[in-house]
Amino acid sequence: MSRDLFARRTNGGREMKDPIVEEVRKYRMEHTRKFNFDLAAICADLKRIERESGHRVVRLAPRKLKPAASSKRCRVPRG
């Protein structure tokens, strides 16, 4: 199993074992293998599961970001 699929450790290199996280990773990897690591197929299946779940899914309109006040005066140091 590739460890690149998971977040890096932030606890000084010690391995943390959380049974809930391990179970989620196990099922995520099984689901990924089922679709031969094809991201488009994985996403399509997750969308199918979402539709068939019967749960209401809320999608909010994206908010526009306001430029930071200092962005107009931001200068890159030269040299």
C-alpha atoms as a PDB file:
ATOM      1  CA  MET A   1       0.000   0.000   0.000  1.00  0.00           C
ATOM      2  CA  SER A   2       1.421   3.362  -0.992  1.00  0.00           C
ATOM      3  CA  ARG A   3       1.880   5.719   1.933  1.00  0.00           C
ATOM      4  CA  ASP A   4       1.732   8.680  -0.484  1.00  0.00           C
ATOM      5  CA  LEU A   5      -2.069   8.508  -0.302  1.00  0.00           C
ATOM      6  CA  PHE A   6      -2.078   9.610   3.332  1.00  0.00           C
ATOM      7  CA  ALA A   7      -1.163  12.763   5.225  1.00  0.00           C
ATOM      8  CA  ARG A   8       2.353  13.068   6.552  1.00  0.00           C
ATOM      9  CA  ARG A   9       3.099  12.647  10.244  1.00  0.00           C
ATOM     10  CA  THR A  10       3.257  15.762  12.377  1.00  0.00           C
ATOM     11  CA  ASN A  11       4.141  14.064  15.632  1.00  0.00           C
ATOM     12  CA  GLY A  12       7.902  13.935  15.297  1.00  0.00           C
ATOM     13  CA  GLY A  13       7.933  10.807  13.125  1.00  0.00           C
ATOM     14  CA  ARG A  14       6.169   8.509  15.590  1.00  0.00           C
ATOM     15  CA  GLU A  15       3.497   6.320  14.010  1.00  0.00           C
ATOM     16  CA  MET A  16       0.007   7.133  15.263  1.00  0.00           C
ATOM     17  CA  LYS A  17      -2.491   4.274  15.172  1.00  0.00           C
ATOM     18  CA  ASP A  18      -6.082   5.400  15.249  1.00  0.00           C
ATOM     19  CA  PRO A  19      -8.445   2.473  14.640  1.00  0.00           C
ATOM     20  CA  ILE A  20     -11.108   4.679  13.040  1.00  0.00           C
ATOM     21  CA  VAL A  21      -8.615   6.277  10.652  1.00  0.00           C
ATOM     22  CA  GLU A  22      -7.160   2.873   9.810  1.00  0.00           C
ATOM     23  CA  GLU A  23     -10.636   1.505   9.034  1.00  0.00           C
ATOM     24  CA  VAL A  24     -11.454   4.473   6.784  1.00  0.00           C
ATOM     25  CA  ARG A  25      -8.131   4.009   4.961  1.00  0.00           C
ATOM     26  CA  LYS A  26      -8.806   0.292   4.548  1.00  0.00           C
ATOM     27  CA  TYR A  27     -12.214   0.857   2.930  1.00  0.00           C
ATOM     28  CA  ARG A  28     -10.930   3.747   0.831  1.00  0.00           C
ATOM     29  CA  MET A  29      -8.133   1.545  -0.521  1.00  0.00           C
ATOM     30  CA  GLU A  30     -10.567  -1.309  -1.239  1.00  0.00           C
ATOM     31  CA  HIS A  31     -12.824   1.096  -3.132  1.00  0.00           C
ATOM     32  CA  THR A  32      -9.837   2.492  -5.034  1.00  0.00           C
ATOM     33  CA  ARG A  33      -8.633  -0.981  -6.047  1.00  0.00           C
ATOM     34  CA  LYS A  34     -12.152  -1.924  -7.167  1.00  0.00           C
ATOM     35  CA  PHE A  35     -11.833   0.749  -9.877  1.00  0.00           C
ATOM     36  CA  ASN A  36      -8.185   0.036 -10.674  1.00  0.00           C
ATOM     37  CA  PHE A  37      -7.097   3.442  -9.322  1.00  0.00           C
ATOM     38  CA  ASP A  38      -9.145   5.232 -12.042  1.00  0.00           C
ATOM     39  CA  LEU A  39     -10.075   8.560 -10.451  1.00  0.00           C
ATOM     40  CA  ALA A  40     -12.904   9.310 -12.909  1.00  0.00           C
ATOM     41  CA  ALA A  41     -14.510   5.914 -12.209  1.00  0.00           C
ATOM     42  CA  ILE A  42     -14.078   6.348  -8.447  1.00  0.00           C
ATOM     43  CA  CYS A  43     -15.734   9.787  -8.547  1.00  0.00           C
ATOM     44  CA  ALA A  44     -18.584   8.511 -10.729  1.00  0.00           C
ATOM     45  CA  ASP A  45     -19.230   5.697  -8.256  1.00  0.00           C
ATOM     46  CA  LEU A  46     -19.184   8.083  -5.299  1.00  0.00           C
ATOM     47  CA  LYS A  47     -21.685  10.329  -7.115  1.00  0.00           C
ATOM     48  CA  ARG A  48     -23.887   7.260  -7.745  1.00  0.00           C
ATOM     49  CA  ILE A  49     -23.739   6.325  -4.066  1.00  0.00           C
ATOM     50  CA  GLU A  50     -24.580   9.921  -3.152  1.00  0.00           C
ATOM     51  CA  ARG A  51     -27.644   9.926  -5.472  1.00  0.00           C
ATOM     52  CA  GLU A  52     -28.897   6.570  -4.238  1.00  0.00           C
ATOM     53  CA  SER A  53     -28.401   7.351  -0.544  1.00  0.00           C
ATOM     54  CA  GLY A  54     -31.626   9.338  -0.301  1.00  0.00           C
ATOM     55  CA  HIS A  55     -29.862  11.987   1.775  1.00  0.00           C
ATOM     56  CA  ARG A  56     -30.290  15.619   0.880  1.00  0.00           C
ATOM     57  CA  VAL A  57     -27.043  17.046  -0.452  1.00  0.00           C
ATOM     58  CA  VAL A  58     -26.585  20.792  -0.092  1.00  0.00           C
ATOM     59  CA  ARG A  59     -24.460  22.681  -2.588  1.00  0.00           C
ATOM     60  CA  LEU A  60     -23.835  26.317  -1.821  1.00  0.00           C
ATOM     61  CA  ALA A  61     -22.961  28.860  -4.476  1.00  0.00           C
ATOM     62  CA  PRO A  62     -19.255  29.722  -4.465  1.00  0.00           C
ATOM     63  CA  ARG A  63     -18.305  32.980  -2.774  1.00  0.00           C
ATOM     64  CA  LYS A  64     -16.076  35.462  -4.515  1.00  0.00           C
ATOM     65  CA  LEU A  65     -12.908  36.271  -2.633  1.00  0.00           C
ATOM     66  CA  LYS A  66     -12.237  39.872  -1.833  1.00  0.00           C
ATOM     67  CA  PRO A  67      -8.703  41.019  -2.615  1.00  0.00           C
ATOM     68  CA  ALA A  68      -6.578  41.698   0.435  1.00  0.00           C
ATOM     69  CA  ALA A  69      -6.208  45.400   1.240  1.00  0.00           C
ATOM     70  CA  SER A  70      -2.434  45.202   0.954  1.00  0.00           C
ATOM     71  CA  SER A  71      -2.431  43.360  -2.401  1.00  0.00           C
ATOM     72  CA  LYS A  72      -2.405  46.616  -4.364  1.00  0.00           C
ATOM     73  CA  ARG A  73       0.805  47.738  -2.730  1.00  0.00           C
ATOM     74  CA  CYS A  74       2.569  44.399  -2.643  1.00  0.00           C
ATOM     75  CA  ARG A  75       6.058  44.709  -4.084  1.00  0.00           C
ATOM     76  CA  VAL A  76       8.521  41.986  -4.816  1.00  0.00           C
ATOM     77  CA  PRO A  77      12.013  42.791  -3.515  1.00  0.00           C
ATOM     78  CA  ARG A  78      14.599  42.931  -6.237  1.00  0.00           C
ATOM     79  CA  GLY A  79      18.052  41.721  -6.145  1.00  0.00           C
END
